[in-house]
């Protein structure tokens, strides 16, 4: 499951930029022994863990993701 999350940790509306977060059974449980990194990387929404990718996206009316850039300066 993918969603765009605003800087206030709320789901963005259609065509509003937000950070891409991915959730589901494939999301890891956290960094071993690094609670500080885990707290930055994972977000819990309705009891499900979502990974904060750092990618900025918008989601259109058809549910398609449109890449806008990065929150940081990493190139992936």
PDB file of N, CA and C in Angstrom:
ATOM      1  N   UNK A   1       0.851  -1.172   0.000  1.00  0.00           N
ATOM      2  CA  UNK A   1       0.000   0.000   0.000  1.00  0.00           C
ATOM      3  C   UNK A   1       0.894   1.231   0.000  1.00  0.00           C
ATOM      4  N   UNK A   2       0.579   2.195  -0.845  1.00  0.00           N
ATOM      5  CA  UNK A   2       1.343   3.440  -0.939  1.00  0.00           C
ATOM      6  C   UNK A   2       0.444   4.616  -0.593  1.00  0.00           C
ATOM      7  N   UNK A   3       1.029   5.595   0.052  1.00  0.00           N
ATOM      8  CA  UNK A   3       0.303   6.843   0.303  1.00  0.00           C
ATOM      9  C   UNK A   3       1.303   7.983   0.425  1.00  0.00           C
ATOM     10  N   UNK A   4       0.814   9.176   0.194  1.00  0.00           N
ATOM     11  CA  UNK A   4       1.628  10.375   0.366  1.00  0.00           C
ATOM     12  C   UNK A   4       1.218  11.020   1.683  1.00  0.00           C
ATOM     13  N   UNK A   5       2.212  11.331   2.514  1.00  0.00           N
ATOM     14  CA  UNK A   5       1.973  11.878   3.845  1.00  0.00           C
ATOM     15  C   UNK A   5       2.539  13.296   3.911  1.00  0.00           C
ATOM     16  N   UNK A   6       1.751  14.223   4.438  1.00  0.00           N
ATOM     17  CA  UNK A   6       2.193  15.610   4.566  1.00  0.00           C
ATOM     18  C   UNK A   6       3.217  15.745   5.687  1.00  0.00           C
ATOM     19  N   UNK A   7       3.795  16.921   5.788  1.00  0.00           N
ATOM     20  CA  UNK A   7       4.769  17.172   6.855  1.00  0.00           C
ATOM     21  C   UNK A   7       4.135  17.079   8.238  1.00  0.00           C
ATOM     22  N   UNK A   8       2.798  17.075   8.308  1.00  0.00           N
ATOM     23  CA  UNK A   8       2.082  16.969   9.576  1.00  0.00           C
ATOM     24  C   UNK A   8       1.590  15.542   9.830  1.00  0.00           C
ATOM     25  N   UNK A   9       2.153  14.569   9.077  1.00  0.00           N
ATOM     26  CA  UNK A   9       1.830  13.141   9.205  1.00  0.00           C
ATOM     27  C   UNK A   9       0.368  12.835   8.918  1.00  0.00           C
ATOM     28  N   UNK A  10      -0.226  13.592   7.999  1.00  0.00           N
ATOM     29  CA  UNK A  10      -1.591  13.335   7.553  1.00  0.00           C
ATOM     30  C   UNK A  10      -1.551  12.928   6.087  1.00  0.00           C
ATOM     31  N   UNK A  11      -2.511  12.091   5.669  1.00  0.00           N
ATOM     32  CA  UNK A  11      -2.556  11.673   4.278  1.00  0.00           C
ATOM     33  C   UNK A  11      -2.857  12.881   3.397  1.00  0.00           C
ATOM     34  N   UNK A  12      -2.061  13.051   2.343  1.00  0.00           N
ATOM     35  CA  UNK A  12      -2.252  14.198   1.458  1.00  0.00           C
ATOM     36  C   UNK A  12      -3.491  13.986   0.593  1.00  0.00           C
ATOM     37  N   UNK A  13      -4.045  15.086   0.119  1.00  0.00           N
ATOM     38  CA  UNK A  13      -5.195  15.020  -0.773  1.00  0.00           C
ATOM     39  C   UNK A  13      -4.696  14.910  -2.216  1.00  0.00           C
ATOM     40  N   UNK A  14      -5.595  14.674  -3.146  1.00  0.00           N
ATOM     41  CA  UNK A  14      -5.242  14.523  -4.557  1.00  0.00           C
ATOM     42  C   UNK A  14      -4.406  15.704  -5.027  1.00  0.00           C
ATOM     43  N   UNK A  15      -3.294  15.391  -5.680  1.00  0.00           N
ATOM     44  CA  UNK A  15      -2.361  16.363  -6.265  1.00  0.00           C
ATOM     45  C   UNK A  15      -1.634  17.238  -5.247  1.00  0.00           C
ATOM     46  N   UNK A  16      -1.717  16.909  -3.969  1.00  0.00           N
ATOM     47  CA  UNK A  16      -0.956  17.618  -2.941  1.00  0.00           C
ATOM     48  C   UNK A  16       0.339  16.851  -2.699  1.00  0.00           C
ATOM     49  N   UNK A  17       1.461  17.558  -2.684  1.00  0.00           N
ATOM     50  CA  UNK A  17       2.747  16.904  -2.489  1.00  0.00           C
ATOM     51  C   UNK A  17       2.874  16.343  -1.079  1.00  0.00           C
ATOM     52  N   UNK A  18       3.438  15.158  -1.003  1.00  0.00           N
ATOM     53  CA  UNK A  18       3.702  14.525   0.278  1.00  0.00           C
ATOM     54  C   UNK A  18       4.822  13.512   0.142  1.00  0.00           C
ATOM     55  N   UNK A  19       5.295  13.011   1.276  1.00  0.00           N
ATOM     56  CA  UNK A  19       6.350  12.000   1.263  1.00  0.00           C
ATOM     57  C   UNK A  19       5.740  10.632   0.993  1.00  0.00           C
ATOM     58  N   UNK A  20       6.322   9.904   0.054  1.00  0.00           N
ATOM     59  CA  UNK A  20       5.846   8.567  -0.267  1.00  0.00           C
ATOM     60  C   UNK A  20       6.134   7.628   0.896  1.00  0.00           C
ATOM     61  N   UNK A  21       5.087   6.968   1.370  1.00  0.00           N
ATOM     62  CA  UNK A  21       5.212   5.972   2.425  1.00  0.00           C
ATOM     63  C   UNK A  21       4.625   4.671   1.903  1.00  0.00           C
ATOM     64  N   UNK A  22       5.324   3.576   2.151  1.00  0.00           N
ATOM     65  CA  UNK A  22       4.856   2.270   1.687  1.00  0.00           C
ATOM     66  C   UNK A  22       4.646   1.360   2.883  1.00  0.00           C
ATOM     67  N   UNK A  23       3.553   0.608   2.850  1.00  0.00           N
ATOM     68  CA  UNK A  23       3.225  -0.288   3.939  1.00  0.00           C
ATOM     69  C   UNK A  23       2.809  -1.644   3.414  1.00  0.00           C
ATOM     70  N   UNK A  24       2.741  -2.598   4.302  1.00  0.00           N
ATOM     71  CA  UNK A  24       2.330  -3.942   3.928  1.00  0.00           C
ATOM     72  C   UNK A  24       3.212  -4.979   4.594  1.00  0.00           C
ATOM     73  N   UNK A  25       3.014  -6.225   4.220  1.00  0.00           N
ATOM     74  CA  UNK A  25       3.728  -7.319   4.874  1.00  0.00           C
ATOM     75  C   UNK A  25       5.227  -7.279   4.617  1.00  0.00           C
ATOM     76  N   UNK A  26       5.669  -6.603   3.573  1.00  0.00           N
ATOM     77  CA  UNK A  26       7.091  -6.554   3.249  1.00  0.00           C
ATOM     78  C   UNK A  26       7.878  -5.478   3.963  1.00  0.00           C
ATOM     79  N   UNK A  27       7.212  -4.653   4.757  1.00  0.00           N
ATOM     80  CA  UNK A  27       7.906  -3.569   5.455  1.00  0.00           C
ATOM     81  C   UNK A  27       8.628  -4.142   6.672  1.00  0.00           C
ATOM     82  N   UNK A  28       9.890  -3.759   6.820  1.00  0.00           N
ATOM     83  CA  UNK A  28      10.692  -4.288   7.924  1.00  0.00           C
ATOM     84  C   UNK A  28      10.227  -3.729   9.265  1.00  0.00           C
ATOM     85  N   UNK A  29      10.596  -4.410  10.340  1.00  0.00           N
ATOM     86  CA  UNK A  29      10.135  -4.039  11.680  1.00  0.00           C
ATOM     87  C   UNK A  29      10.986  -2.962  12.327  1.00  0.00           C
ATOM     88  N   UNK A  30      12.128  -2.645  11.729  1.00  0.00           N
ATOM     89  CA  UNK A  30      12.987  -1.606  12.280  1.00  0.00           C
ATOM     90  C   UNK A  30      14.446  -1.984  12.192  1.00  0.00           C
ATOM     91  N   UNK A  31      15.295  -1.035  12.563  1.00  0.00           N
ATOM     92  CA  UNK A  31      16.740  -1.238  12.565  1.00  0.00           C
ATOM     93  C   UNK A  31      17.149  -1.896  13.877  1.00  0.00           C
ATOM     94  N   UNK A  32      17.907  -2.977  13.804  1.00  0.00           N
ATOM     95  CA  UNK A  32      18.336  -3.709  14.992  1.00  0.00           C
ATOM     96  C   UNK A  32      19.216  -2.818  15.866  1.00  0.00           C
ATOM     97  N   UNK A  33      18.769  -2.608  17.088  1.00  0.00           N
ATOM     98  CA  UNK A  33      19.544  -1.831  18.044  1.00  0.00           C
ATOM     99  C   UNK A  33      19.608  -0.343  17.753  1.00  0.00           C
ATOM    100  N   UNK A  34      18.817   0.147  16.822  1.00  0.00           N
ATOM    101  CA  UNK A  34      18.847   1.574  16.465  1.00  0.00           C
ATOM    102  C   UNK A  34      17.434   2.152  16.501  1.00  0.00           C
ATOM    103  N   UNK A  35      16.906   2.280  17.700  1.00  0.00           N
ATOM    104  CA  UNK A  35      15.562   2.824  17.863  1.00  0.00           C
ATOM    105  C   UNK A  35      15.449   4.231  17.305  1.00  0.00           C
ATOM    106  N   UNK A  36      16.551   4.993  17.325  1.00  0.00           N
ATOM    107  CA  UNK A  36      16.534   6.354  16.796  1.00  0.00           C
ATOM    108  C   UNK A  36      16.272   6.349  15.292  1.00  0.00           C
ATOM    109  N   UNK A  37      16.941   5.460  14.549  1.00  0.00           N
ATOM    110  CA  UNK A  37      16.724   5.363  13.105  1.00  0.00           C
ATOM    111  C   UNK A  37      15.347   4.795  12.780  1.00  0.00           C
ATOM    112  N   UNK A  38      14.917   3.829  13.572  1.00  0.00           N
ATOM    113  CA  UNK A  38      13.597   3.234  13.365  1.00  0.00           C
ATOM    114  C   UNK A  38      12.507   4.286  13.520  1.00  0.00           C
ATOM    115  N   UNK A  39      12.615   5.133  14.527  1.00  0.00           N
ATOM    116  CA  UNK A  39      11.612   6.175  14.772  1.00  0.00           C
ATOM    117  C   UNK A  39      11.527   7.154  13.607  1.00  0.00           C
ATOM    118  N   UNK A  40      12.649   7.413  12.935  1.00  0.00           N
ATOM    119  CA  UNK A  40      12.656   8.326  11.788  1.00  0.00           C
ATOM    120  C   UNK A  40      12.136   7.662  10.519  1.00  0.00           C
ATOM    121  N   UNK A  41      12.351   6.351  10.394  1.00  0.00           N
ATOM    122  CA  UNK A  41      12.047   5.652   9.146  1.00  0.00           C
ATOM    123  C   UNK A  41      10.633   5.095   9.075  1.00  0.00           C
ATOM    124  N   UNK A  42      10.037   4.787  10.216  1.00  0.00           N
ATOM    125  CA  UNK A  42       8.732   4.134  10.219  1.00  0.00           C
ATOM    126  C   UNK A  42       7.660   5.020  10.834  1.00  0.00           C
ATOM    127  N   UNK A  43       6.468   4.896  10.284  1.00  0.00           N
ATOM    128  CA  UNK A  43       5.308   5.648  10.741  1.00  0.00           C
ATOM    129  C   UNK A  43       4.164   4.655  10.904  1.00  0.00           C
ATOM    130  N   UNK A  44       3.458   4.708  12.016  1.00  0.00           N
ATOM    131  CA  UNK A  44       2.318   3.813  12.218  1.00  0.00           C
ATOM    132  C   UNK A  44       1.031   4.545  11.890  1.00  0.00           C
ATOM    133  N   UNK A  45       0.244   3.954  10.997  1.00  0.00           N
ATOM    134  CA  UNK A  45      -1.048   4.512  10.599  1.00  0.00           C
ATOM    135  C   UNK A  45      -2.080   3.404  10.723  1.00  0.00           C
ATOM    136  N   UNK A  46      -3.094   3.619  11.529  1.00  0.00           N
ATOM    137  CA  UNK A  46      -4.157   2.632  11.753  1.00  0.00           C
ATOM    138  C   UNK A  46      -3.601   1.252  12.097  1.00  0.00           C
ATOM    139  N   UNK A  47      -2.562   1.214  12.922  1.00  0.00           N
ATOM    140  CA  UNK A  47      -1.989  -0.042  13.366  1.00  0.00           C
ATOM    141  C   UNK A  47      -1.067  -0.722  12.372  1.00  0.00           C
ATOM    142  N   UNK A  48      -0.812  -0.087  11.228  1.00  0.00           N
ATOM    143  CA  UNK A  48       0.065  -0.664  10.206  1.00  0.00           C
ATOM    144  C   UNK A  48       1.318   0.190  10.064  1.00  0.00           C
ATOM    145  N   UNK A  49       2.479  -0.470   9.928  1.00  0.00           N
ATOM    146  CA  UNK A  49       3.736   0.250   9.750  1.00  0.00           C
ATOM    147  C   UNK A  49       3.927   0.670   8.298  1.00  0.00           C
ATOM    148  N   UNK A  50       4.395   1.899   8.121  1.00  0.00           N
ATOM    149  CA  UNK A  50       4.719   2.438   6.807  1.00  0.00           C
ATOM    150  C   UNK A  50       6.152   2.941   6.834  1.00  0.00           C
ATOM    151  N   UNK A  51       6.881   2.659   5.763  1.00  0.00           N
ATOM    152  CA  UNK A  51       8.259   3.116   5.612  1.00  0.00           C
ATOM    153  C   UNK A  51       8.262   4.459   4.902  1.00  0.00           C
ATOM    154  N   UNK A  52       8.941   5.438   5.491  1.00  0.00           N
ATOM    155  CA  UNK A  52       9.064   6.773   4.904  1.00  0.00           C
ATOM    156  C   UNK A  52      10.230   6.743   3.912  1.00  0.00           C
ATOM    157  N   UNK A  53       9.945   6.848   2.621  1.00  0.00           N
ATOM    158  CA  UNK A  53      10.971   6.676   1.593  1.00  0.00           C
ATOM    159  C   UNK A  53      11.861   7.893   1.412  1.00  0.00           C
ATOM    160  N   UNK A  54      11.360   9.080   1.771  1.00  0.00           N
ATOM    161  CA  UNK A  54      12.105  10.308   1.506  1.00  0.00           C
ATOM    162  C   UNK A  54      11.804  10.884   0.137  1.00  0.00           C
ATOM    163  N   UNK A  55      11.038  10.145  -0.680  1.00  0.00           N
ATOM    164  CA  UNK A  55      10.639  10.633  -1.998  1.00  0.00           C
ATOM    165  C   UNK A  55       9.390  11.500  -1.865  1.00  0.00           C
ATOM    166  N   UNK A  56       9.369  12.614  -2.576  1.00  0.00           N
ATOM    167  CA  UNK A  56       8.204  13.488  -2.596  1.00  0.00           C
ATOM    168  C   UNK A  56       7.388  13.186  -3.846  1.00  0.00           C
ATOM    169  N   UNK A  57       6.096  12.958  -3.655  1.00  0.00           N
ATOM    170  CA  UNK A  57       5.215  12.593  -4.761  1.00  0.00           C
ATOM    171  C   UNK A  57       3.886  13.324  -4.640  1.00  0.00           C
ATOM    172  N   UNK A  58       3.153  13.319  -5.739  1.00  0.00           N
ATOM    173  CA  UNK A  58       1.734  13.645  -5.718  1.00  0.00           C
ATOM    174  C   UNK A  58       1.011  12.412  -6.240  1.00  0.00           C
ATOM    175  N   UNK A  59      -0.246  12.266  -5.867  1.00  0.00           N
ATOM    176  CA  UNK A  59      -1.070  11.164  -6.354  1.00  0.00           C
ATOM    177  C   UNK A  59      -2.271  11.782  -7.054  1.00  0.00           C
ATOM    178  N   UNK A  60      -2.471  11.398  -8.332  1.00  0.00           N
ATOM    179  CA  UNK A  60      -3.549  12.002  -9.112  1.00  0.00           C
ATOM    180  C   UNK A  60      -4.885  11.296  -8.874  1.00  0.00           C
ATOM    181  N   UNK A  61      -5.921  11.749  -9.581  1.00  0.00           N
ATOM    182  CA  UNK A  61      -7.270  11.187  -9.427  1.00  0.00           C
ATOM    183  C   UNK A  61      -7.350   9.706  -9.770  1.00  0.00           C
ATOM    184  N   UNK A  62      -6.416   9.218 -10.592  1.00  0.00           N
ATOM    185  CA  UNK A  62      -6.400   7.810 -10.985  1.00  0.00           C
ATOM    186  C   UNK A  62      -5.553   6.951 -10.047  1.00  0.00           C
ATOM    187  N   UNK A  63      -4.980   7.561  -9.010  1.00  0.00           N
ATOM    188  CA  UNK A  63      -4.140   6.835  -8.074  1.00  0.00           C
ATOM    189  C   UNK A  63      -2.708   6.656  -8.547  1.00  0.00           C
ATOM    190  N   UNK A  64      -2.328   7.355  -9.627  1.00  0.00           N
ATOM    191  CA  UNK A  64      -0.966   7.265 -10.147  1.00  0.00           C
ATOM    192  C   UNK A  64      -0.040   8.194  -9.383  1.00  0.00           C
ATOM    193  N   UNK A  65       1.169   7.703  -9.096  1.00  0.00           N
ATOM    194  CA  UNK A  65       2.176   8.494  -8.392  1.00  0.00           C
ATOM    195  C   UNK A  65       2.966   9.335  -9.382  1.00  0.00           C
ATOM    196  N   UNK A  66       3.242  10.581  -9.019  1.00  0.00           N
ATOM    197  CA  UNK A  66       4.058  11.483  -9.829  1.00  0.00           C
ATOM    198  C   UNK A  66       5.209  11.967  -8.956  1.00  0.00           C
ATOM    199  N   UNK A  67       6.419  11.561  -9.338  1.00  0.00           N
ATOM    200  CA  UNK A  67       7.622  11.889  -8.572  1.00  0.00           C
ATOM    201  C   UNK A  67       7.906  13.381  -8.657  1.00  0.00           C
ATOM    202  N   UNK A  68       8.171  14.018  -7.507  1.00  0.00           N
ATOM    203  CA  UNK A  68       8.450  15.449  -7.456  1.00  0.00           C
ATOM    204  C   UNK A  68       9.885  15.752  -7.034  1.00  0.00           C
ATOM    205  N   UNK A  69      10.532  14.819  -6.340  1.00  0.00           N
ATOM    206  CA  UNK A  69      11.896  15.054  -5.858  1.00  0.00           C
ATOM    207  C   UNK A  69      12.140  14.295  -4.567  1.00  0.00           C
ATOM    208  N   UNK A  70      13.150  14.762  -3.816  1.00  0.00           N
ATOM    209  CA  UNK A  70      13.546  14.137  -2.562  1.00  0.00           C
ATOM    210  C   UNK A  70      13.465  15.136  -1.416  1.00  0.00           C
ATOM    211  N   UNK A  71      13.278  14.625  -0.201  1.00  0.00           N
ATOM    212  CA  UNK A  71      13.331  15.462   0.996  1.00  0.00           C
ATOM    213  C   UNK A  71      14.769  15.823   1.325  1.00  0.00           C
ATOM    214  N   UNK A  72      15.702  14.955   0.932  1.00  0.00           N
ATOM    215  CA  UNK A  72      17.121  15.177   1.188  1.00  0.00           C
ATOM    216  C   UNK A  72      17.847  15.258  -0.155  1.00  0.00           C
ATOM    217  N   UNK A  73      19.136  15.102  -0.135  1.00  0.00           N
ATOM    218  CA  UNK A  73      19.904  15.217  -1.376  1.00  0.00           C
ATOM    219  C   UNK A  73      20.449  13.875  -1.848  1.00  0.00           C
ATOM    220  N   UNK A  74      19.876  12.782  -1.354  1.00  0.00           N
ATOM    221  CA  UNK A  74      20.322  11.456  -1.780  1.00  0.00           C
ATOM    222  C   UNK A  74      19.881  11.184  -3.210  1.00  0.00           C
ATOM    223  N   UNK A  75      20.727  10.484  -3.941  1.00  0.00           N
ATOM    224  CA  UNK A  75      20.368  10.022  -5.278  1.00  0.00           C
ATOM    225  C   UNK A  75      20.249   8.512  -5.194  1.00  0.00           C
ATOM    226  N   UNK A  76      19.083   8.004  -5.579  1.00  0.00           N
ATOM    227  CA  UNK A  76      18.854   6.550  -5.484  1.00  0.00           C
ATOM    228  C   UNK A  76      18.463   6.012  -6.834  1.00  0.00           C
TER     229      UNK A  76
END
